[in-house]
Each structure stands twice: as C-alpha cells, then as structure tokens.
C-alpha atoms as a PDB file:
ATOM      1  CA  MET A   1      -4.293  13.055  11.950  1.00  0.00           C
ATOM      2  CA  THR A   2      -7.570  14.567  13.147  1.00  0.00           C
ATOM      3  CA  GLY A   3     -10.660  12.860  11.835  1.00  0.00           C
ATOM      4  CA  TRP A   4      -9.021   9.595  10.714  1.00  0.00           C
ATOM      5  CA  VAL A   5     -10.261   6.380  12.344  1.00  0.00           C
ATOM      6  CA  ARG A   6      -7.635   3.901  13.582  1.00  0.00           C
ATOM      7  CA  PRO A   7      -8.304   0.184  14.019  1.00  0.00           C
ATOM      8  CA  PRO A   8      -7.518  -1.754  17.206  1.00  0.00           C
ATOM      9  CA  ARG A   9      -4.033  -3.263  17.268  1.00  0.00           C
ATOM     10  CA  LEU A  10      -3.506  -6.980  16.788  1.00  0.00           C
ATOM     11  CA  ARG A  11      -3.198  -9.368  19.709  1.00  0.00           C
ATOM     12  CA  SER A  12      -2.167 -12.988  19.963  1.00  0.00           C
ATOM     13  CA  GLY A  13      -4.941 -15.300  18.793  1.00  0.00           C
ATOM     14  CA  ASP A  14      -6.746 -12.697  16.711  1.00  0.00           C
ATOM     15  CA  ARG A  15      -8.695 -13.921  13.679  1.00  0.00           C
ATOM     16  CA  ILE A  16      -7.325 -12.698  10.353  1.00  0.00           C
ATOM     17  CA  LEU A  17      -9.424 -13.079   7.211  1.00  0.00           C
ATOM     18  CA  VAL A  18      -7.448 -13.661   4.016  1.00  0.00           C
ATOM     19  CA  ILE A  19      -9.167 -12.384   0.874  1.00  0.00           C
ATOM     20  CA  ALA A  20      -8.367 -12.252  -2.840  1.00  0.00           C
ATOM     21  CA  PRO A  21      -9.978  -9.188  -4.440  1.00  0.00           C
ATOM     22  CA  SER A  22      -7.503  -9.248  -7.337  1.00  0.00           C
ATOM     23  CA  GLY A  23      -5.427 -11.941  -9.072  1.00  0.00           C
ATOM     24  CA  PRO A  24      -5.565 -15.745  -8.742  1.00  0.00           C
ATOM     25  CA  VAL A  25      -3.910 -17.191  -5.663  1.00  0.00           C
ATOM     26  CA  PRO A  26      -1.160 -19.856  -5.739  1.00  0.00           C
ATOM     27  CA  ARG A  27      -1.993 -22.412  -3.047  1.00  0.00           C
ATOM     28  CA  ALA A  28       1.586 -23.191  -1.980  1.00  0.00           C
ATOM     29  CA  ALA A  29       2.479 -19.525  -1.488  1.00  0.00           C
ATOM     30  CA  LEU A  30      -0.729 -18.918   0.448  1.00  0.00           C
ATOM     31  CA  GLU A  31      -0.011 -21.828   2.773  1.00  0.00           C
ATOM     32  CA  THR A  32       3.525 -20.554   3.413  1.00  0.00           C
ATOM     33  CA  GLY A  33       2.216 -17.055   4.154  1.00  0.00           C
ATOM     34  CA  VAL A  34      -0.459 -18.457   6.441  1.00  0.00           C
ATOM     35  CA  SER A  35       2.286 -20.265   8.372  1.00  0.00           C
ATOM     36  CA  GLU A  36       4.025 -16.907   8.841  1.00  0.00           C
ATOM     37  CA  LEU A  37       0.844 -15.357  10.226  1.00  0.00           C
ATOM     38  CA  ARG A  38       0.544 -18.265  12.641  1.00  0.00           C
ATOM     39  CA  ARG A  39       4.175 -17.760  13.681  1.00  0.00           C
ATOM     40  CA  LEU A  40       3.190 -14.196  14.571  1.00  0.00           C
ATOM     41  CA  GLY A  41       0.492 -15.597  16.862  1.00  0.00           C
ATOM     42  CA  LEU A  42      -2.489 -14.935  14.615  1.00  0.00           C
ATOM     43  CA  ALA A  43      -5.318 -17.218  13.494  1.00  0.00           C
ATOM     44  CA  PRO A  44      -5.768 -16.816   9.718  1.00  0.00           C
ATOM     45  CA  GLU A  45      -8.882 -18.074   7.927  1.00  0.00           C
ATOM     46  CA  TRP A  46      -9.990 -18.129   4.297  1.00  0.00           C
ATOM     47  CA  ASP A  47     -12.661 -19.641   2.110  1.00  0.00           C
ATOM     48  CA  GLU A  48     -11.703 -22.381  -0.317  1.00  0.00           C
ATOM     49  CA  SER A  49     -13.263 -20.330  -3.112  1.00  0.00           C
ATOM     50  CA  ILE A  50     -10.193 -18.073  -2.888  1.00  0.00           C
ATOM     51  CA  PHE A  51      -8.485 -20.462  -5.335  1.00  0.00           C
ATOM     52  CA  GLU A  52     -11.084 -19.992  -8.079  1.00  0.00           C
ATOM     53  CA  ARG A  53      -9.986 -18.428 -11.380  1.00  0.00           C
ATOM     54  CA  ARG A  54     -11.777 -16.381 -14.010  1.00  0.00           C
ATOM     55  CA  LEU A  55      -9.779 -14.549 -16.684  1.00  0.00           C
ATOM     56  CA  PHE A  56      -6.949 -12.825 -14.755  1.00  0.00           C
ATOM     57  CA  PHE A  57      -8.861 -12.795 -11.463  1.00  0.00           C
ATOM     58  CA  ALA A  58      -9.454 -14.876  -8.343  1.00  0.00           C
ATOM     59  CA  GLY A  59     -12.914 -15.906  -9.470  1.00  0.00           C
ATOM     60  CA  THR A  60     -15.879 -13.893 -10.642  1.00  0.00           C
ATOM     61  CA  ASP A  61     -16.567 -10.306  -9.649  1.00  0.00           C
ATOM     62  CA  GLU A  62     -19.507 -11.593  -7.607  1.00  0.00           C
ATOM     63  CA  ARG A  63     -17.292 -14.007  -5.654  1.00  0.00           C
ATOM     64  CA  ARG A  64     -14.686 -11.377  -4.899  1.00  0.00           C
ATOM     65  CA  ARG A  65     -17.246  -8.687  -4.053  1.00  0.00           C
ATOM     66  CA  SER A  66     -19.091 -11.023  -1.697  1.00  0.00           C
ATOM     67  CA  GLU A  67     -15.820 -12.064  -0.047  1.00  0.00           C
ATOM     68  CA  ILE A  68     -14.678  -8.528   0.694  1.00  0.00           C
ATOM     69  CA  GLU A  69     -18.137  -7.525   1.915  1.00  0.00           C
ATOM     70  CA  ARG A  70     -18.255 -10.471   4.343  1.00  0.00           C
ATOM     71  CA  ALA A  71     -14.734  -9.729   5.573  1.00  0.00           C
ATOM     72  CA  PHE A  72     -15.490  -6.070   6.251  1.00  0.00           C
ATOM     73  CA  ALA A  73     -18.703  -6.996   8.070  1.00  0.00           C
ATOM     74  CA  ASP A  74     -17.378  -9.904  10.185  1.00  0.00           C
ATOM     75  CA  PRO A  75     -17.692  -8.655  13.792  1.00  0.00           C
ATOM     76  CA  THR A  76     -15.004 -10.950  15.228  1.00  0.00           C
ATOM     77  CA  ALA A  77     -12.230 -10.454  12.652  1.00  0.00           C
ATOM     78  CA  ALA A  78      -9.339  -8.267  13.792  1.00  0.00           C
ATOM     79  CA  GLY A  79      -7.748  -7.932  10.370  1.00  0.00           C
ATOM     80  CA  VAL A  80      -8.280  -8.404   6.650  1.00  0.00           C
ATOM     81  CA  PHE A  81      -5.165  -9.287   4.627  1.00  0.00           C
ATOM     82  CA  ALA A  82      -4.985  -9.525   0.855  1.00  0.00           C
ATOM     83  CA  ALA A  83      -3.577 -12.769  -0.471  1.00  0.00           C
ATOM     84  CA  ARG A  84      -1.882 -10.988  -3.383  1.00  0.00           C
ATOM     85  CA  GLY A  85      -2.239  -8.144  -5.875  1.00  0.00           C
ATOM     86  CA  GLY A  86      -2.524  -8.618  -9.616  1.00  0.00           C
ATOM     87  CA  GLY A  87      -5.640  -7.117 -11.180  1.00  0.00           C
ATOM     88  CA  GLY A  88      -9.370  -6.958 -10.738  1.00  0.00           C
ATOM     89  CA  ALA A  89     -10.016  -4.832  -7.642  1.00  0.00           C
ATOM     90  CA  ALA A  90     -11.140  -1.937  -9.863  1.00  0.00           C
ATOM     91  CA  ARG A  91     -14.152  -4.032 -10.891  1.00  0.00           C
ATOM     92  CA  LEU A  92     -15.350  -4.051  -7.266  1.00  0.00           C
ATOM     93  CA  LEU A  93     -15.729  -0.255  -7.041  1.00  0.00           C
ATOM     94  CA  PRO A  94     -17.467   1.277  -5.222  1.00  0.00           C
ATOM     95  CA  LEU A  95     -16.267  -1.031  -2.468  1.00  0.00           C
ATOM     96  CA  PRO A  96     -18.938  -3.021  -0.653  1.00  0.00           C
ATOM     97  CA  GLY A  97     -19.015  -3.272   3.131  1.00  0.00           C
ATOM     98  CA  LEU A  98     -17.561   0.151   3.956  1.00  0.00           C
ATOM     99  CA  GLU A  99     -20.427   1.071   6.276  1.00  0.00           C
ATOM    100  CA  ALA A 100     -19.782  -2.048   8.357  1.00  0.00           C
ATOM    101  CA  LEU A 101     -16.019  -1.453   8.355  1.00  0.00           C
ATOM    102  CA  ALA A 102     -16.448   2.160   9.463  1.00  0.00           C
ATOM    103  CA  ALA A 103     -18.741   1.021  12.283  1.00  0.00           C
ATOM    104  CA  LYS A 104     -16.170  -1.531  13.481  1.00  0.00           C
ATOM    105  CA  PRO A 105     -12.711  -0.746  12.087  1.00  0.00           C
ATOM    106  CA  ARG A 106     -10.115  -3.451  11.690  1.00  0.00           C
ATOM    107  CA  ILE A 107      -6.664  -3.701  10.122  1.00  0.00           C
ATOM    108  CA  VAL A 108      -6.550  -3.937   6.316  1.00  0.00           C
ATOM    109  CA  SER A 109      -3.190  -4.779   4.692  1.00  0.00           C
ATOM    110  CA  GLY A 110      -1.971  -5.179   1.128  1.00  0.00           C
ATOM    111  CA  PHE A 111      -0.313  -3.307  -1.729  1.00  0.00           C
ATOM    112  CA  SER A 112      -0.151  -3.212  -5.547  1.00  0.00           C
ATOM    113  CA  ASP A 113      -3.697  -3.718  -6.933  1.00  0.00           C
ATOM    114  CA  ILE A 114      -4.963  -3.322  -3.348  1.00  0.00           C
ATOM    115  CA  THR A 115      -4.343   0.391  -4.000  1.00  0.00           C
ATOM    116  CA  TYR A 116      -7.988   0.492  -5.114  1.00  0.00           C
ATOM    117  CA  VAL A 117      -9.092  -0.862  -1.726  1.00  0.00           C
ATOM    118  CA  HIS A 118      -6.920   1.635   0.155  1.00  0.00           C
ATOM    119  CA  GLN A 119      -8.366   4.490  -1.873  1.00  0.00           C
ATOM    120  CA  GLY A 120     -11.878   3.366  -0.994  1.00  0.00           C
ATOM    121  CA  LEU A 121     -10.952   3.317   2.694  1.00  0.00           C
ATOM    122  CA  ALA A 122      -9.226   6.700   2.463  1.00  0.00           C
ATOM    123  CA  ARG A 123     -12.404   8.299   1.171  1.00  0.00           C
ATOM    124  CA  ARG A 124     -14.010   7.171   4.459  1.00  0.00           C
ATOM    125  CA  ARG A 125     -10.940   8.413   6.405  1.00  0.00           C
ATOM    126  CA  LEU A 126     -10.116   4.902   7.642  1.00  0.00           C
ATOM    127  CA  VAL A 127      -6.450   4.198   8.407  1.00  0.00           C
ATOM    128  CA  SER A 128      -5.098   1.241   6.419  1.00  0.00           C
ATOM    129  CA  PHE A 129      -1.723  -0.392   5.831  1.00  0.00           C
ATOM    130  CA  TYR A 130       0.185  -0.456   2.563  1.00  0.00           C
ATOM    131  CA  GLY A 131       1.983  -3.563   3.659  1.00  0.00           C
ATOM    132  CA  PRO A 132       2.441  -7.326   3.482  1.00  0.00           C
ATOM    133  CA  MET A 133       0.270  -9.754   1.537  1.00  0.00           C
ATOM    134  CA  VAL A 134      -0.122 -13.378   2.530  1.00  0.00           C
ATOM    135  CA  ALA A 135       0.872 -15.181  -0.674  1.00  0.00           C
ATOM    136  CA  TRP A 136       3.548 -12.633  -1.503  1.00  0.00           C
ATOM    137  CA  ASP A 137       5.979 -11.022   0.946  1.00  0.00           C
ATOM    138  CA  LEU A 138       4.645 -12.795   4.043  1.00  0.00           C
ATOM    139  CA  SER A 139       5.312 -16.104   2.289  1.00  0.00           C
ATOM    140  CA  ARG A 140       8.944 -15.061   1.743  1.00  0.00           C
ATOM    141  CA  GLY A 141       9.500 -14.169   5.373  1.00  0.00           C
ATOM    142  CA  ASP A 142      10.751 -11.511   7.756  1.00  0.00           C
ATOM    143  CA  GLY A 143      13.825  -9.733   6.378  1.00  0.00           C
ATOM    144  CA  ALA A 144      14.143 -11.969   3.316  1.00  0.00           C
ATOM    145  CA  VAL A 145      14.689 -10.867  -0.270  1.00  0.00           C
ATOM    146  CA  GLY A 146      11.220  -9.914  -1.459  1.00  0.00           C
ATOM    147  CA  GLY A 147       9.934 -10.375   2.096  1.00  0.00           C
ATOM    148  CA  TYR A 148       8.789  -7.845   4.672  1.00  0.00           C
ATOM    149  CA  ASP A 149      10.268  -5.743   7.477  1.00  0.00           C
ATOM    150  CA  GLY A 150       8.941  -7.612  10.499  1.00  0.00           C
ATOM    151  CA  ALA A 151      10.146  -5.146  13.127  1.00  0.00           C
ATOM    152  CA  LEU A 152       8.207  -2.238  11.619  1.00  0.00           C
ATOM    153  CA  PHE A 153       5.184  -4.458  10.946  1.00  0.00           C
ATOM    154  CA  ARG A 154       5.027  -5.566  14.591  1.00  0.00           C
ATOM    155  CA  ARG A 155       5.644  -2.070  15.943  1.00  0.00           C
ATOM    156  CA  LEU A 156       2.740  -0.640  13.972  1.00  0.00           C
ATOM    157  CA  LEU A 157       0.196  -3.458  14.043  1.00  0.00           C
ATOM    158  CA  PHE A 158       0.891  -5.318  17.301  1.00  0.00           C
ATOM    159  CA  GLU A 159       2.485  -2.807  19.643  1.00  0.00           C
ATOM    160  CA  GLY A 160       0.402   0.169  18.582  1.00  0.00           C
ATOM    161  CA  GLU A 161       3.472   2.404  18.556  1.00  0.00           C
ATOM    162  CA  PRO A 162       4.506   5.045  16.023  1.00  0.00           C
ATOM    163  CA  GLY A 163       6.663   3.599  13.276  1.00  0.00           C
ATOM    164  CA  GLY A 164       9.409   6.113  14.033  1.00  0.00           C
ATOM    165  CA  ALA A 165      12.213   7.273  11.765  1.00  0.00           C
ATOM    166  CA  LEU A 166      12.749   5.177   8.625  1.00  0.00           C
ATOM    167  CA  SER A 167      16.103   5.805   6.966  1.00  0.00           C
ATOM    168  CA  PRO A 168      16.851   2.900   4.592  1.00  0.00           C
ATOM    169  CA  SER A 169      20.085   2.793   2.644  1.00  0.00           C
ATOM    170  CA  GLY A 170      20.167   4.037  -0.922  1.00  0.00           C
ATOM    171  CA  VAL A 171      17.698   6.903  -0.545  1.00  0.00           C
ATOM    172  CA  GLU A 172      18.475   9.939  -2.727  1.00  0.00           C
ATOM    173  CA  CYS A 173      17.275  13.512  -2.346  1.00  0.00           C
ATOM    174  CA  LEU A 174      15.656  14.888  -5.500  1.00  0.00           C
ATOM    175  CA  ARG A 175      14.276  18.056  -3.867  1.00  0.00           C
ATOM    176  CA  SER A 176      15.554  19.177  -0.480  1.00  0.00           C
ATOM    177  CA  GLY A 177      13.404  20.341   2.392  1.00  0.00           C
ATOM    178  CA  ARG A 178      11.204  19.112   5.225  1.00  0.00           C
ATOM    179  CA  ALA A 179       7.439  18.742   5.410  1.00  0.00           C
ATOM    180  CA  GLU A 180       4.728  17.165   7.529  1.00  0.00           C
ATOM    181  CA  GLY A 181       1.353  15.792   6.506  1.00  0.00           C
ATOM    182  CA  ARG A 182      -0.833  12.717   6.461  1.00  0.00           C
ATOM    183  CA  LEU A 183       0.743   9.736   4.716  1.00  0.00           C
ATOM    184  CA  ALA A 184      -0.981   8.645   1.495  1.00  0.00           C
ATOM    185  CA  GLY A 185      -0.218   7.000  -1.819  1.00  0.00           C
ATOM    186  CA  GLY A 186       0.128   3.597  -3.433  1.00  0.00           C
ATOM    187  CA  CYS A 187       1.123   2.004  -6.728  1.00  0.00           C
ATOM    188  CA  LEU A 188       1.638   4.780  -9.270  1.00  0.00           C
ATOM    189  CA  SER A 189       0.086   3.108 -12.323  1.00  0.00           C
ATOM    190  CA  LEU A 190      -2.983   2.108 -10.323  1.00  0.00           C
ATOM    191  CA  LEU A 191      -3.419   5.522  -8.723  1.00  0.00           C
ATOM    192  CA  SER A 192      -3.379   6.931 -12.238  1.00  0.00           C
ATOM    193  CA  ALA A 193      -6.091   4.437 -13.189  1.00  0.00           C
ATOM    194  CA  CYS A 194      -8.105   5.515 -10.120  1.00  0.00           C
ATOM    195  CA  ALA A 195      -8.555   9.033 -11.495  1.00  0.00           C
ATOM    196  CA  GLY A 196     -12.164   9.499 -12.539  1.00  0.00           C
ATOM    197  CA  THR A 197     -13.428   6.532 -10.491  1.00  0.00           C
ATOM    198  CA  PRO A 198     -15.087   6.264  -7.049  1.00  0.00           C
ATOM    199  CA  ALA A 199     -11.526   5.769  -5.719  1.00  0.00           C
ATOM    200  CA  ALA A 200     -10.048   8.952  -7.230  1.00  0.00           C
ATOM    201  CA  PRO A 201      -7.040  10.141  -5.192  1.00  0.00           C
ATOM    202  CA  ASP A 202      -6.890  13.491  -3.389  1.00  0.00           C
ATOM    203  CA  PHE A 203      -3.477  14.211  -1.857  1.00  0.00           C
ATOM    204  CA  ASP A 204      -4.123  17.689  -0.499  1.00  0.00           C
ATOM    205  CA  GLY A 205      -2.035  18.089   2.667  1.00  0.00           C
ATOM    206  CA  ALA A 206      -0.310  14.736   2.198  1.00  0.00           C
ATOM    207  CA  ILE A 207       3.152  13.260   2.144  1.00  0.00           C
ATOM    208  CA  VAL A 208       2.606  11.159  -0.978  1.00  0.00           C
ATOM    209  CA  ALA A 209       4.351   7.778  -1.294  1.00  0.00           C
ATOM    210  CA  LEU A 210       4.490   6.394  -4.841  1.00  0.00           C
ATOM    211  CA  GLU A 211       5.995   3.140  -6.137  1.00  0.00           C
ATOM    212  CA  ASP A 212       5.752   0.703  -9.029  1.00  0.00           C
ATOM    213  CA  GLU A 213       7.637  -2.017 -10.873  1.00  0.00           C
ATOM    214  CA  ASP A 214       8.349  -3.194 -14.428  1.00  0.00           C
ATOM    215  CA  GLU A 215       7.118   0.016 -16.049  1.00  0.00           C
ATOM    216  CA  SER A 216       9.242   1.842 -18.612  1.00  0.00           C
ATOM    217  CA  PRO A 217      10.265   5.422 -17.724  1.00  0.00           C
ATOM    218  CA  ASN A 218       8.012   6.914 -20.411  1.00  0.00           C
ATOM    219  CA  ARG A 219       4.991   5.146 -18.894  1.00  0.00           C
ATOM    220  CA  LEU A 220       5.907   6.363 -15.409  1.00  0.00           C
ATOM    221  CA  GLU A 221       6.042   9.923 -16.754  1.00  0.00           C
ATOM    222  CA  ARG A 222       2.598   9.413 -18.291  1.00  0.00           C
ATOM    223  CA  PHE A 223       1.114   8.217 -14.988  1.00  0.00           C
ATOM    224  CA  LEU A 224       2.610  11.154 -13.079  1.00  0.00           C
ATOM    225  CA  THR A 225       1.366  13.663 -15.633  1.00  0.00           C
ATOM    226  CA  HIS A 226      -2.122  12.134 -15.611  1.00  0.00           C
ATOM    227  CA  LEU A 227      -2.363  12.458 -11.821  1.00  0.00           C
ATOM    228  CA  LYS A 228      -1.075  16.024 -11.928  1.00  0.00           C
ATOM    229  CA  GLN A 229      -3.537  17.040 -14.620  1.00  0.00           C
ATOM    230  CA  ALA A 230      -6.359  15.298 -12.738  1.00  0.00           C
ATOM    231  CA  GLY A 231      -5.571  17.536  -9.743  1.00  0.00           C
ATOM    232  CA  ALA A 232      -4.529  14.686  -7.448  1.00  0.00           C
ATOM    233  CA  PHE A 233      -1.233  16.338  -6.470  1.00  0.00           C
ATOM    234  CA  ALA A 234      -2.718  19.759  -5.678  1.00  0.00           C
ATOM    235  CA  GLY A 235      -1.713  20.675  -2.124  1.00  0.00           C
ATOM    236  CA  ALA A 236       0.737  17.766  -1.705  1.00  0.00           C
ATOM    237  CA  ARG A 237       3.484  18.629   0.784  1.00  0.00           C
ATOM    238  CA  GLY A 238       6.171  16.086  -0.095  1.00  0.00           C
ATOM    239  CA  PHE A 239       6.867  12.907  -2.044  1.00  0.00           C
ATOM    240  CA  VAL A 240       8.383   9.603  -0.934  1.00  0.00           C
ATOM    241  CA  LEU A 241       9.294   7.536  -3.976  1.00  0.00           C
ATOM    242  CA  GLY A 242       9.988   3.801  -4.111  1.00  0.00           C
ATOM    243  CA  ASP A 243      12.991   2.120  -5.695  1.00  0.00           C
ATOM    244  CA  PHE A 244      11.051   1.191  -8.880  1.00  0.00           C
ATOM    245  CA  PRO A 245      12.578  -2.222  -9.658  1.00  0.00           C
ATOM    246  CA  GLY A 246      12.574  -3.309 -13.281  1.00  0.00           C
ATOM    247  CA  CYS A 247      11.714   0.165 -14.572  1.00  0.00           C
ATOM    248  CA  GLU A 248      14.477   0.316 -17.145  1.00  0.00           C
ATOM    249  CA  PRO A 249      14.540   2.203 -20.463  1.00  0.00           C
ATOM    250  CA  LYS A 250      13.126   0.368 -23.437  1.00  0.00           C
ATOM    251  CA  PRO A 251      15.602  -0.839 -26.087  1.00  0.00           C
ATOM    252  CA  GLY A 252      16.675   2.094 -28.226  1.00  0.00           C
ATOM    253  CA  THR A 253      16.043   4.673 -25.493  1.00  0.00           C
ATOM    254  CA  THR A 254      18.304   5.979 -22.740  1.00  0.00           C
ATOM    255  CA  THR A 255      16.089   8.091 -20.466  1.00  0.00           C
ATOM    256  CA  THR A 256      16.153   6.659 -16.930  1.00  0.00           C
ATOM    257  CA  VAL A 257      13.616   6.614 -14.108  1.00  0.00           C
ATOM    258  CA  LYS A 258      15.756   9.069 -12.161  1.00  0.00           C
ATOM    259  CA  GLU A 259      15.792  11.514 -15.061  1.00  0.00           C
ATOM    260  CA  VAL A 260      12.002  11.284 -15.364  1.00  0.00           C
ATOM    261  CA  LEU A 261      11.536  11.899 -11.633  1.00  0.00           C
ATOM    262  CA  GLU A 262      14.031  14.778 -11.527  1.00  0.00           C
ATOM    263  CA  ASP A 263      12.313  16.455 -14.474  1.00  0.00           C
ATOM    264  CA  PHE A 264       8.763  15.934 -13.179  1.00  0.00           C
ATOM    265  CA  PHE A 265       9.482  17.297  -9.705  1.00  0.00           C
ATOM    266  CA  CYS A 266      11.895  20.068 -10.752  1.00  0.00           C
ATOM    267  CA  ASP A 267       9.392  22.827  -9.913  1.00  0.00           C
ATOM    268  CA  PHE A 268       7.915  21.223  -6.798  1.00  0.00           C
ATOM    269  CA  ALA A 269       8.481  23.416  -3.743  1.00  0.00           C
ATOM    270  CA  GLY A 270       8.569  20.637  -1.143  1.00  0.00           C
ATOM    271  CA  PRO A 271      10.849  17.672  -0.358  1.00  0.00           C
ATOM    272  CA  VAL A 272      11.167  14.687  -2.686  1.00  0.00           C
ATOM    273  CA  ALA A 273      13.138  11.550  -1.761  1.00  0.00           C
ATOM    274  CA  TRP A 274      13.674   8.528  -4.008  1.00  0.00           C
ATOM    275  CA  GLY A 275      14.647   4.941  -3.168  1.00  0.00           C
ATOM    276  CA  PHE A 276      12.434   3.831  -0.258  1.00  0.00           C
ATOM    277  CA  PRO A 277      11.798   0.049  -0.247  1.00  0.00           C
ATOM    278  CA  PHE A 278       8.035  -0.273   0.021  1.00  0.00           C
ATOM    279  CA  GLY A 279       5.414  -2.000  -2.094  1.00  0.00           C
ATOM    280  CA  HIS A 280       7.134  -3.548  -5.110  1.00  0.00           C
ATOM    281  CA  THR A 281      10.713  -3.917  -3.948  1.00  0.00           C
ATOM    282  CA  ALA A 282      13.332  -6.641  -3.761  1.00  0.00           C
ATOM    283  CA  ARG A 283      14.260  -5.479  -0.272  1.00  0.00           C
ATOM    284  CA  PRO A 284      12.169  -6.171   2.845  1.00  0.00           C
ATOM    285  CA  ASN A 285       8.902  -4.307   2.337  1.00  0.00           C
ATOM    286  CA  LEU A 286       8.271  -1.382   4.703  1.00  0.00           C
ATOM    287  CA  THR A 287       4.682  -1.186   5.973  1.00  0.00           C
ATOM    288  CA  LEU A 288       3.277   2.328   5.557  1.00  0.00           C
ATOM    289  CA  PRO A 289       0.136   3.408   7.476  1.00  0.00           C
ATOM    290  CA  TRP A 290      -2.068   5.547   5.233  1.00  0.00           C
ATOM    291  CA  GLY A 291      -3.881   8.372   6.990  1.00  0.00           C
ATOM    292  CA  THR A 292      -1.396   8.906   9.823  1.00  0.00           C
ATOM    293  CA  ALA A 293       0.953  11.838  10.401  1.00  0.00           C
ATOM    294  CA  ALA A 294       4.425  11.697   8.884  1.00  0.00           C
ATOM    295  CA  ARG A 295       7.424  13.981   8.446  1.00  0.00           C
ATOM    296  CA  LEU A 296       9.773  13.812   5.462  1.00  0.00           C
ATOM    297  CA  ASP A 297      13.345  15.123   5.536  1.00  0.00           C
ATOM    298  CA  ALA A 298      14.513  14.536   1.979  1.00  0.00           C
ATOM    299  CA  GLU A 299      18.069  15.745   2.455  1.00  0.00           C
ATOM    300  CA  ASP A 300      18.703  13.255   5.266  1.00  0.00           C
ATOM    301  CA  GLY A 301      16.591  10.554   3.581  1.00  0.00           C
ATOM    302  CA  VAL A 302      14.320  10.098   6.608  1.00  0.00           C
ATOM    303  CA  LEU A 303      10.588   9.405   6.705  1.00  0.00           C
ATOM    304  CA  ASP A 304       9.373   9.732  10.294  1.00  0.00           C
ATOM    305  CA  LEU A 305       6.081   7.987  11.133  1.00  0.00           C
ATOM    306  CA  LEU A 306       4.927  10.284  13.922  1.00  0.00           C
ATOM    307  CA  GLU A 307       1.900   8.684  15.491  1.00  0.00           C
ATOM    308  CA  PRO A 308       0.363   5.290  16.268  1.00  0.00           C
ATOM    309  CA  ALA A 309      -1.672   3.767  13.463  1.00  0.00           C
ATOM    310  CA  CYS A 310      -3.662   1.528  15.832  1.00  0.00           C
ATOM    311  CA  VAL A 311      -5.410   2.036  19.153  1.00  0.00           C
END
C-alpha cells in the first residue's frame, strides 16, 4: 500500500535479535526455537538478561525498554523476533527506538501481546509481521501442532514474494462479499486495551484480522463493542477472524463465539470470514504482514495477500 515502508527480506546468515518485551522466557523453549532459526539459515542472538523475571514480565520495564530500543537501533540486525507474548508490552508505550527503526527498517515478528508493538509500528506506517515467536511456535516447528506455516513464512520473509491466496480448511462465511484494503489487526483483547493509548488502533480502509484464545464469548463481545465505540472499526472494509481456541461458554451459559460474531457483524456491509488459523491457534500459524494490500473473499473463504511485504 502507498506510503508504507517495507523492510529488506531475510538472507542466509542474517543476524536476528531475539527480544522479550512481554512475559518471562522459558530457556528450553527459547533454545529449541533458536535451533529452528538456525535451520532456516539465520544467526539469532539474545542477551542473557532475557531470562530475568519481575512480576509477570521478562524483567523490569527498564530492561525490556532498553532491549527493544537497542534492537530497533542495531544497524546490522536484519530482524527482531519476540521470544513470546504474555503481558507487559503496554508498559513500554510509547515504544522507544521508532526513529531508528524508521530510518533503517528491519523485519519485526511476533503476535499476542506483541500486538502493542505492531500498533506502534503501524502508527509509523512500518510493515510488520503478525507471525512466529521464538519460544512459542518456532520452537514447535514447521507444520506442527501449535507450530507455524513455514512455506508462507519463507515466501514472505525470505523470498520477498506476495503471500498469495490463503484458503485454509474450516473457514466459514459470516457476511458474504469481497473487499480490498491494507491488512491490519491483532489479538482482540489487546487491541481493545490499546484504545486510548499511544497505540490506539485505526482500521480505516483495512481488512481487519482479529483473533484471541481462552476468552469467554461475553468477554469477546465486550472487546468488539469497545473497539466499535472507540471508533477503531470506522471505515473497515472486511474482517478476517481467527479460530478462537478455548473460547467456550462459561458454565451455565450457552451463547457461543459464533453466535456473538454473527450478531456483532450482522449489520456490517462488507465481507466477514471466520476460522483462519493465525495468532493463537492449534494449527500451523499463518504469518500475516500488517500494512500490505490484501483481498478478502468471504464466500470462498480466501484471503489473498496481494503484494510483497519485503523488498
């Protein structure tokens, strides 16, 4: 899309900096994920302080803020990958190091609590990747349960090609139609929490991808309503919804996630498709490039990534 800055694609031997802006990092999972990055031909690095803990976080706010600022400013790093999600990235807003990152873009990948980071980058119109994390889906492997979709990951980040048509099984049409726009979104509960912060979402002109896990249907409805009332969905052209694992009705209630989604989007004029495996999903995680052009055909269950995300 015009005006969005794309990072250079990855090449064999590139340095990748692993950071932990959110929750504490399990060492064994990080080491397994690092091995996967090396299998892909990359050279991952991290600071030993990544294993620090404070409350629910990977160390103090100062440690995590300094880490992300150094990573964004490092002139020889080709990519910055989150170790995991969890919680705590909100405490780093407004994000440090954005001036340096805008001056020399590089690939940034992660999901879940990394939604805050993506929102900070989006406000600077920097393309980023809602994709694998080192101590999470990368540690589980290419194509594995809870792992990542390696073919799409390589096509976007290494080959510099458009992602193409994504048509995973199990996708359902909630509102028919076709629409094009820039791809945007993230974890629903965290986007709701972003409203009113320096990372507040604005989805005007966007195909909006939303996902979450382990939230009851009534809480999902609350997050959607909050974003709507905050004006985040004004001008949105279509919605790509995740498969929402673990989002079952509470005991004593029967309303399902599907019923909540059907009711919320019943008056939306554009396409809405539900069941894409990205972010929190038990299926191989699809990497989605925020800020790039996409086309959604809800009736056929196809999300077409139209342009390269890297140069």
